Protein backbone atom coordinates (compact mmCIF):
# COMPACT_ATOMS: atom_id res chain seq x y z
CA MET A 1 37.70 -52.92 286.12
CA ALA A 2 41.40 -52.03 285.78
CA ARG A 3 42.34 -49.66 282.96
CA THR A 4 43.91 -51.27 279.88
CA ILE A 5 47.36 -49.90 279.11
CA ARG A 6 48.04 -48.84 275.52
CA ASN A 7 51.34 -49.41 273.73
CA ALA A 8 51.59 -48.51 270.05
CA LYS A 9 54.25 -51.18 269.48
CA LEU A 10 52.18 -54.01 271.00
CA ASP A 11 48.51 -53.11 270.56
CA THR A 12 48.11 -54.75 267.14
CA ARG A 13 49.63 -57.73 265.33
CA SER A 14 50.74 -55.47 262.49
CA ALA A 15 52.66 -53.26 264.91
CA ARG A 16 54.30 -56.27 266.57
CA SER A 17 55.35 -57.70 263.21
CA LYS A 18 57.73 -54.75 262.80
CA LEU A 19 59.62 -55.60 266.00
CA ALA A 20 62.92 -57.45 265.81
CA GLN A 21 63.16 -61.02 267.07
CA ARG A 22 65.03 -61.14 270.35
CA ARG A 23 65.23 -63.09 273.60
CA GLU A 24 64.51 -60.13 275.87
CA PRO A 25 60.77 -59.30 275.83
CA TYR A 26 59.38 -55.90 274.96
CA TRP A 27 58.01 -54.80 278.31
CA THR A 28 55.01 -52.63 279.15
CA VAL A 29 54.66 -51.52 282.76
CA ILE A 30 51.13 -52.11 284.08
CA SER A 31 51.75 -50.69 287.53
CA GLN A 32 54.67 -50.38 289.91
CA GLY A 33 56.62 -53.63 289.94
CA ARG A 34 54.27 -55.28 287.44
CA ALA A 35 54.74 -55.58 283.71
CA VAL A 36 53.60 -57.53 280.64
CA GLY A 37 56.15 -58.51 278.04
CA TYR A 38 56.01 -59.57 274.39
CA ARG A 39 58.67 -61.97 273.15
CA ARG A 40 58.87 -62.46 269.41
CA GLY A 41 60.47 -65.75 268.45
CA ILE A 42 61.02 -67.72 265.28
CA LYS A 43 57.87 -69.81 265.81
CA GLY A 44 55.66 -66.96 266.95
CA GLY A 45 55.14 -64.61 269.85
CA THR A 46 54.35 -65.21 273.51
CA TRP A 47 53.14 -63.05 276.37
CA ILE A 48 55.03 -63.00 279.68
CA ALA A 49 54.25 -61.39 283.05
CA ARG A 50 56.88 -59.99 285.43
CA TYR A 51 56.38 -59.23 289.11
CA ARG A 52 58.91 -57.60 291.42
CA ASP A 53 58.48 -58.36 295.12
CA GLU A 54 59.37 -56.12 298.05
CA ALA A 55 62.88 -57.56 298.18
CA GLY A 56 63.43 -56.66 294.55
CA LYS A 57 63.34 -60.24 293.28
CA GLN A 58 61.74 -60.72 289.88
CA HIS A 59 59.12 -63.42 289.27
CA TYR A 60 58.06 -64.46 285.76
CA GLN A 61 55.01 -66.24 284.36
CA HIS A 62 54.21 -67.46 280.85
CA LEU A 63 50.72 -66.18 279.94
CA GLY A 64 50.06 -67.70 276.52
CA ALA A 65 50.53 -67.36 272.80
CA THR A 66 49.96 -64.06 271.04
CA ASP A 67 47.40 -63.47 268.30
CA ASP A 68 50.13 -62.81 265.74
CA ALA A 69 48.98 -65.64 263.46
CA MET A 70 45.60 -66.71 264.90
CA ASP A 71 42.64 -64.79 266.25
CA ALA A 72 42.54 -64.40 270.01
CA ASP A 73 40.21 -66.69 271.93
CA GLY A 74 40.87 -65.31 275.42
CA ALA A 75 42.25 -68.64 276.63
CA ASP A 76 45.11 -70.15 274.64
CA VAL A 77 45.62 -67.27 272.20
CA LEU A 78 45.68 -63.82 273.77
CA SER A 79 45.45 -60.28 272.49
CA PHE A 80 47.40 -57.56 274.27
CA THR A 81 44.26 -56.71 276.25
CA ASP A 82 43.72 -60.39 277.17
CA ALA A 83 47.35 -60.66 278.25
CA GLN A 84 46.95 -57.75 280.64
CA ALA A 85 43.82 -59.27 282.20
CA THR A 86 45.52 -62.65 282.63
CA ALA A 87 48.61 -60.96 284.05
CA ARG A 88 46.56 -59.07 286.64
CA ASP A 89 45.05 -62.35 287.85
CA TRP A 90 48.56 -63.74 288.25
CA PHE A 91 49.81 -60.59 289.99
CA THR A 92 47.02 -60.94 292.56
CA ARG A 93 47.81 -64.60 293.14
CA VAL A 94 51.57 -64.29 293.40
CA ALA A 95 51.25 -61.37 295.82
CA SER A 96 49.05 -63.51 298.07
CA GLU A 97 51.40 -66.48 297.81
CA LEU A 98 54.40 -64.35 298.69
CA ALA A 99 52.56 -62.95 301.71
CA ASN A 100 51.78 -66.50 302.87
CA GLY A 101 55.22 -67.84 302.03
CA ASP A 102 53.95 -70.46 299.57
CA VAL A 103 54.88 -69.26 296.11
CA ARG A 104 53.74 -71.73 293.46
CA ARG A 105 55.58 -72.32 290.23
CA GLY A 106 53.47 -72.67 287.13
CA PRO A 107 49.82 -71.80 286.56
CA TYR A 108 47.25 -72.21 289.32
CA LYS A 109 44.73 -74.80 288.17
CA VAL A 110 41.35 -76.01 289.35
CA ARG A 111 43.17 -79.07 290.68
CA ASP A 112 45.26 -76.86 292.97
CA ALA A 113 42.14 -75.11 294.23
CA MET A 114 40.54 -78.46 295.08
CA GLU A 115 43.63 -79.62 296.99
CA GLU A 116 43.79 -76.45 299.05
CA TYR A 117 40.06 -76.60 299.79
CA LEU A 118 40.30 -80.20 301.00
CA ARG A 119 43.18 -79.28 303.31
CA TRP A 120 41.10 -76.42 304.68
CA CYS A 121 38.10 -78.73 305.20
CA ALA A 122 40.21 -81.37 306.93
CA LYS A 123 41.19 -78.84 309.61
CA ARG A 124 37.62 -77.82 310.32
CA ARG A 125 35.49 -80.92 309.79
CA LYS A 126 35.38 -84.45 311.13
CA SER A 127 35.51 -86.07 307.71
CA VAL A 128 35.99 -84.95 304.13
CA ASP A 129 35.74 -88.37 302.51
CA GLY A 130 32.49 -87.57 300.75
CA THR A 131 33.79 -84.23 299.47
CA ARG A 132 37.04 -85.81 298.30
CA TYR A 133 35.17 -88.57 296.47
CA SER A 134 32.93 -86.04 294.73
CA ILE A 135 35.93 -83.96 293.65
CA ASN A 136 37.98 -86.92 292.42
CA ALA A 137 35.08 -88.57 290.59
CA HIS A 138 33.31 -85.62 289.02
CA ILE A 139 35.39 -82.44 289.05
CA LEU A 140 39.05 -83.29 288.47
CA PRO A 141 38.61 -85.54 285.40
CA VAL A 142 36.98 -82.70 283.44
CA LEU A 143 38.12 -79.44 285.01
CA GLY A 144 41.22 -80.39 286.99
CA ASP A 145 43.81 -79.18 284.46
CA VAL A 146 42.06 -75.94 283.58
CA GLU A 147 43.90 -72.81 284.74
CA LEU A 148 41.65 -71.05 287.20
CA SER A 149 42.23 -67.68 285.58
CA LYS A 150 41.04 -69.15 282.25
CA LEU A 151 37.96 -70.89 283.58
CA THR A 152 34.83 -69.53 281.90
CA LYS A 153 31.14 -69.49 282.76
CA HIS A 154 30.38 -71.42 279.57
CA ARG A 155 32.83 -74.17 280.49
CA VAL A 156 31.38 -74.60 283.98
CA GLU A 157 27.84 -74.65 282.60
CA ARG A 158 28.76 -77.27 280.00
CA TRP A 159 30.36 -79.44 282.70
CA HIS A 160 27.28 -79.04 284.92
CA GLU A 161 24.93 -80.06 282.09
CA GLN A 162 27.06 -83.06 281.11
CA LEU A 163 27.10 -84.17 284.74
CA ALA A 164 23.29 -84.19 284.81
CA GLU A 165 23.15 -86.20 281.59
CA SER A 166 25.64 -88.86 282.71
CA PRO A 167 24.45 -92.11 284.35
CA ALA A 168 24.84 -92.63 288.08
CA ARG A 169 28.04 -94.33 289.23
CA LEU A 170 27.95 -97.67 291.01
CA ARG A 171 30.38 -99.17 293.50
CA THR A 172 33.42 -100.54 291.67
CA ARG A 173 36.35 -102.60 292.84
CA PRO A 174 39.58 -100.60 293.27
CA GLY A 175 41.46 -100.55 289.98
CA GLY A 176 38.49 -101.92 288.04
CA GLN A 177 36.56 -100.27 285.26
CA GLN A 178 33.94 -97.90 286.62
CA ASN A 179 30.43 -99.36 286.75
CA TYR A 180 27.36 -97.26 285.99
CA ARG A 181 23.66 -97.68 286.63
CA LYS A 182 21.59 -98.53 283.58
CA ARG A 183 20.24 -95.46 281.83
CA ASN A 184 16.63 -94.64 282.53
CA SER A 185 14.76 -91.93 280.68
CA GLY A 186 12.11 -91.50 283.38
CA SER A 187 11.39 -88.06 284.78
CA GLU A 188 12.36 -89.09 288.32
CA THR A 189 15.74 -90.33 287.14
CA LYS A 190 16.38 -87.06 285.30
CA ARG A 191 15.36 -85.11 288.38
CA GLY A 192 17.69 -87.15 290.55
CA ARG A 193 20.66 -86.66 288.21
CA LYS A 194 20.06 -82.90 288.12
CA SER A 195 19.84 -82.84 291.89
CA THR A 196 23.16 -84.69 292.13
CA ALA A 197 24.72 -82.29 289.62
CA ASN A 198 23.57 -79.37 291.77
CA ARG A 199 25.22 -80.81 294.88
CA ILE A 200 28.51 -81.30 293.03
CA LEU A 201 28.25 -77.77 291.62
CA THR A 202 27.92 -76.54 295.19
CA THR A 203 31.16 -78.33 296.08
CA LEU A 204 32.93 -76.80 293.07
CA LYS A 205 31.73 -73.32 293.94
CA ALA A 206 32.74 -73.69 297.59
CA ALA A 207 36.28 -74.72 296.63
CA LEU A 208 36.68 -72.00 294.01
CA ASN A 209 35.25 -69.36 296.34
CA TYR A 210 37.85 -70.36 298.90
CA ALA A 211 40.56 -69.91 296.26
CA TYR A 212 39.09 -66.50 295.44
CA THR A 213 39.06 -65.35 299.07
CA GLU A 214 42.67 -66.53 299.43
CA GLY A 215 43.68 -64.34 296.49
CA ARG A 216 44.48 -67.20 294.11
CA VAL A 217 42.42 -65.59 291.35
CA ALA A 218 41.30 -62.02 290.75
CA GLY A 219 37.64 -62.71 289.97
CA ASN A 220 34.89 -65.24 290.67
CA ASP A 221 32.52 -64.37 287.84
CA ALA A 222 33.16 -67.62 285.92
CA TRP A 223 31.37 -69.78 288.48
CA ARG A 224 29.37 -67.26 290.51
CA ARG A 225 26.91 -66.70 287.65
CA VAL A 226 26.35 -70.41 286.96
CA GLN A 227 22.87 -71.29 288.20
CA PRO A 228 21.81 -74.71 289.55
CA PHE A 229 18.93 -76.60 287.99
CA ARG A 230 15.64 -75.37 289.39
CA GLU A 231 12.85 -77.34 291.05
CA VAL A 232 14.78 -80.60 291.27
CA GLU A 233 15.21 -80.77 295.04
CA VAL A 234 12.43 -82.71 296.73
CA ALA A 235 12.00 -83.54 300.38
CA ARG A 236 12.99 -87.06 301.38
CA ALA A 237 9.57 -88.14 302.62
CA ARG A 238 10.38 -91.85 302.95
CA TYR A 239 10.29 -93.10 306.52
CA LEU A 240 9.46 -96.36 308.27
CA THR A 241 6.18 -96.82 310.07
CA ASP A 242 6.30 -98.38 313.53
CA ASP A 243 5.24 -101.70 312.00
CA GLU A 244 7.98 -101.55 309.35
CA ALA A 245 10.58 -100.57 311.95
CA LEU A 246 9.63 -103.55 314.13
CA ARG A 247 9.78 -105.93 311.17
CA LEU A 248 13.16 -104.56 310.14
CA VAL A 249 14.62 -104.95 313.64
CA ASN A 250 13.31 -108.51 313.89
CA ALA A 251 14.89 -109.33 310.52
CA CYS A 252 18.34 -108.17 311.68
CA THR A 253 20.85 -110.34 313.51
CA GLU A 254 23.26 -109.18 316.16
CA PRO A 255 25.37 -107.15 316.28
CA PHE A 256 23.84 -105.28 313.32
CA ARG A 257 20.47 -105.35 315.09
CA SER A 258 21.81 -103.15 317.91
CA LEU A 259 23.14 -100.65 315.38
CA VAL A 260 19.72 -100.38 313.72
CA VAL A 261 17.93 -99.99 317.06
CA GLY A 262 20.45 -97.34 318.05
CA ALA A 263 19.64 -95.36 314.90
CA LEU A 264 15.88 -95.59 315.55
CA MET A 265 16.29 -94.55 319.20
CA THR A 266 18.67 -91.60 318.63
CA GLY A 267 18.24 -90.37 315.05
CA ALA A 268 22.04 -90.35 314.80
CA ARG A 269 23.86 -90.77 311.50
CA TYR A 270 25.64 -94.02 310.73
CA SER A 271 29.08 -92.48 311.23
CA GLU A 272 27.97 -90.91 314.53
CA LEU A 273 26.68 -94.22 315.87
CA ALA A 274 29.92 -95.98 314.92
CA ALA A 275 31.87 -93.47 317.03
CA ILE A 276 29.76 -93.59 320.22
CA ARG A 277 31.64 -94.81 323.31
CA ALA A 278 30.20 -96.09 326.57
CA ALA A 279 31.19 -92.90 328.37
CA ASP A 280 29.00 -90.90 325.98
CA PHE A 281 25.85 -92.43 327.48
CA ASP A 282 24.61 -90.70 330.63
CA PRO A 283 22.05 -93.04 332.28
CA ARG A 284 21.02 -90.45 334.88
CA ALA A 285 20.26 -87.68 332.41
CA GLY A 286 19.04 -90.16 329.80
CA THR A 287 21.19 -88.64 327.06
CA VAL A 288 23.87 -89.73 324.64
CA HIS A 289 26.68 -87.39 323.65
CA ILE A 290 27.44 -87.24 319.91
CA ARG A 291 31.02 -86.02 319.95
CA GLN A 292 31.76 -86.34 316.25
CA SER A 293 29.14 -85.01 313.87
CA LYS A 294 28.98 -84.06 310.22
CA SER A 295 29.16 -80.36 311.04
CA GLY A 296 32.04 -80.84 313.46
CA LYS A 297 29.90 -79.75 316.43
CA SER A 298 28.87 -82.04 319.27
CA ARG A 299 25.37 -82.39 320.70
CA HIS A 300 23.47 -84.24 323.42
CA VAL A 301 20.55 -86.38 322.22
CA VAL A 302 17.74 -86.85 324.75
CA LEU A 303 16.58 -90.47 324.85
CA SER A 304 13.09 -91.81 325.36
CA ASP A 305 12.55 -94.26 328.23
CA GLU A 306 12.81 -97.07 325.68
CA GLY A 307 16.05 -95.61 324.33
CA ARG A 308 17.52 -95.28 327.83
CA THR A 309 16.66 -98.90 328.60
CA PHE A 310 18.24 -100.01 325.34
CA LEU A 311 21.54 -98.20 325.93
CA ASP A 312 21.58 -99.32 329.57
CA GLY A 313 21.67 -102.91 328.35
CA THR A 314 24.00 -102.25 325.42
CA THR A 315 26.69 -100.57 327.56
CA VAL A 316 26.66 -103.13 330.40
CA GLY A 317 30.16 -104.47 331.03
CA LYS A 318 31.85 -101.95 328.72
CA ALA A 319 34.69 -99.72 329.84
CA ALA A 320 34.25 -95.96 329.43
CA GLN A 321 36.33 -95.81 326.24
CA ASP A 322 34.85 -98.93 324.65
CA THR A 323 32.94 -98.44 321.41
CA VAL A 324 29.26 -99.23 321.97
CA PHE A 325 28.39 -100.56 318.52
CA VAL A 326 30.93 -102.97 317.03
CA LYS A 327 30.91 -105.80 314.50
CA ALA A 328 31.07 -109.48 315.44
CA THR A 329 34.85 -109.29 315.04
CA GLY A 330 35.03 -106.54 317.65
CA ASN A 331 36.11 -104.01 315.05
CA SER A 332 34.34 -100.70 314.47
CA TRP A 333 31.74 -100.30 311.77
CA ARG A 334 33.38 -98.73 308.74
CA ARG A 335 31.96 -96.90 305.77
CA SER A 336 29.71 -99.14 303.64
CA ASP A 337 29.83 -102.05 306.14
CA GLN A 338 26.12 -101.52 306.78
CA ARG A 339 24.93 -101.82 303.18
CA ARG A 340 24.82 -105.58 302.71
CA PRO A 341 23.25 -106.56 306.07
CA LEU A 342 20.70 -103.76 305.71
CA ARG A 343 19.69 -104.89 302.22
CA GLN A 344 19.31 -108.47 303.46
CA ALA A 345 17.17 -107.27 306.38
CA TYR A 346 14.90 -105.27 304.09
CA ASP A 347 14.41 -108.33 301.89
CA ALA A 348 13.64 -110.52 304.88
CA ALA A 349 11.22 -107.94 306.32
CA ARG A 350 9.57 -107.51 302.89
CA ILE A 351 10.00 -103.74 302.95
CA LYS A 352 9.87 -102.29 299.45
CA PRO A 353 11.63 -100.42 298.14
CA ALA A 354 14.80 -101.10 300.10
CA VAL A 355 16.31 -97.78 301.19
CA GLY A 356 19.54 -96.68 302.82
CA PHE A 357 20.56 -96.52 306.45
CA HIS A 358 19.77 -92.79 306.52
CA VAL A 359 16.04 -93.56 306.36
CA LEU A 360 16.29 -94.67 310.00
CA ARG A 361 17.23 -91.08 310.87
CA HIS A 362 14.26 -89.86 308.83
CA SER A 363 12.01 -92.30 310.67
CA TYR A 364 13.17 -90.94 314.03
CA ALA A 365 12.55 -87.33 312.98
CA SER A 366 9.23 -88.08 311.32
CA ARG A 367 7.92 -89.81 314.45
CA LEU A 368 8.73 -86.73 316.56
CA VAL A 369 7.15 -84.36 314.03
CA MET A 370 3.90 -86.35 313.84
CA ARG A 371 3.67 -86.28 317.64
CA GLY A 372 3.77 -82.51 317.75
CA VAL A 373 7.32 -82.00 319.03
CA PRO A 374 8.45 -78.40 318.23
CA LEU A 375 10.66 -78.27 315.14
CA ALA A 376 13.36 -76.39 317.03
CA VAL A 377 13.65 -79.31 319.47
CA ILE A 378 13.86 -81.80 316.61
CA ALA A 379 16.53 -79.71 314.88
CA ALA A 380 18.61 -79.75 318.07
CA GLN A 381 18.21 -83.53 318.39
CA LEU A 382 19.36 -84.02 314.80
CA GLY A 383 22.24 -81.57 315.05
CA HIS A 384 20.89 -78.98 312.58
CA ARG A 385 21.75 -75.32 313.12
CA ASP A 386 18.13 -74.21 312.63
CA THR A 387 14.74 -75.58 311.66
CA ARG A 388 15.01 -75.06 307.88
CA MET A 389 16.11 -78.62 307.12
CA VAL A 390 13.44 -80.05 309.42
CA GLU A 391 10.73 -77.92 307.81
CA ARG A 392 11.90 -78.88 304.34
CA HIS A 393 11.95 -82.64 304.92
CA TYR A 394 9.29 -83.17 307.56
CA GLY A 395 7.08 -80.08 307.70
CA HIS A 396 4.39 -81.77 305.61
CA LEU A 397 3.97 -84.33 308.39
CA SER A 398 2.99 -81.64 310.87
CA PRO A 399 -0.22 -80.01 309.62
CA GLY A 400 -0.90 -78.67 313.10
CA TYR A 401 2.41 -76.80 313.06
CA VAL A 402 1.70 -75.32 309.63
CA ALA A 403 -1.84 -74.34 310.59
CA SER A 404 -0.86 -72.65 313.86
CA THR A 405 2.00 -70.80 312.16
CA VAL A 406 -0.24 -69.44 309.39
CA ARG A 407 -3.03 -68.40 311.78
CA GLU A 408 -0.66 -66.72 314.20
CA ALA A 409 1.16 -64.86 311.45
CA PHE A 410 -1.95 -63.78 309.48
CA GLY A 411 -3.91 -62.52 312.46
CA SER A 412 -7.18 -60.64 311.99
CA MET A 413 -7.92 -58.03 309.32
CA GLY A 414 -11.01 -56.75 311.19
CA ILE A 415 -13.33 -57.05 308.21
CA VAL A 416 -15.41 -60.02 309.39
CA ASP A 417 -17.88 -59.43 312.21
CA GLU A 418 -17.90 -61.94 315.04
CA SER A 419 -21.10 -63.96 315.46
CA ASN A 420 -22.60 -65.87 318.36
CA VAL A 421 -24.44 -68.20 315.96
CA THR A 422 -23.03 -71.73 315.80
CA PRO A 423 -23.71 -73.29 312.37
CA LEU A 424 -24.78 -76.91 312.16
CA ARG A 425 -22.44 -79.06 310.05
CA ARG A 426 -23.68 -81.96 307.98
CA GLU A 427 -22.08 -85.31 308.67
CA ALA A 428 -21.37 -85.66 304.96
CA ALA A 429 -18.95 -82.80 305.28
CA HIS A 430 -16.70 -85.06 307.34
CA PRO A 431 -16.12 -88.18 305.23
CA ASN A 432 -13.50 -89.53 307.66
CA ARG A 433 -16.05 -89.93 310.48
């Protein structure tokens, strides 16, 4: 921690009360080219920071009100020590901005951090729509106007808790009053809201950490020490059985039916399916190339014989650059276009409860797991970097994998003698026979 500078004229409110009122601040040099000033006016005092760049140009920043009349709170009313800490945050930020040629006037707020993070994401990911929605809906309304240097752990924790207590948002027409799901006091609903709050907290932390690494703020303690809710993340075990999948496909009408079959045959996400072109299907290798994925990396999905036959028929007559899965109008499937026809198909197929399109991806992965396919292979098919996500969501479906892993890892302790006696088992011990 940087050393606090002492100044007998500014350390206490009683000492500052003896200073004459004047426009020019009383400056205290913090380090070379950096100073904190006290300006005593008719309506009270204010703290000001001054930074001199390499060219000799002076930059100024209002820090906040002094504690001449009110006790310091570390945010809006600052003591001399608080003013120095706030000034150091600003010195760090302005030095970084000058180095990058993007000096910002005024305080750097959470809103600014979110904007910069979204621009960074847009350069490195296929889509940031989900992240942008989460930021606009849940972060900016509460924290957007808070200066990043004044953000506190308590404030982030309070926002996180309020987020978990708020009802889930529902789709609302543009410009209309936001709709919310009816409140439910059940334990599963509470778990789900806490899980959602954790995901949004992760987004907040990622954006603020980016601002910290870019030198926009001197410290990251305010959000780094905020802990997510524990034991609220559960594996998404819902998947369709073969019978349910067949009923669902039969309940769909073209061209939505082809989209559903494509999801069941490839395990691709909805957005990935909507982007597949005829040239991405290789009939000889029996693979489909997913060029645009959530992570930004491409992958080749190996098709079953049934999947190869399906895409052979679906791509017949299409030019290389033609989109494989399109709506009846010939237009591409857009975000949320799948919700209504999928809900109608679930109702017609009598599948309860009706779940989202993503369950088709779960069904694909679950089928592979239950047939003993190595988790590393499944992870590659799904586009995951490693097997952790597969183990988390589908590991319970592969008891053979768990058993072999435990036995191989545990090995033998050498304390049990081997025996050539084969015990007789009672039939009652095997109730499933």
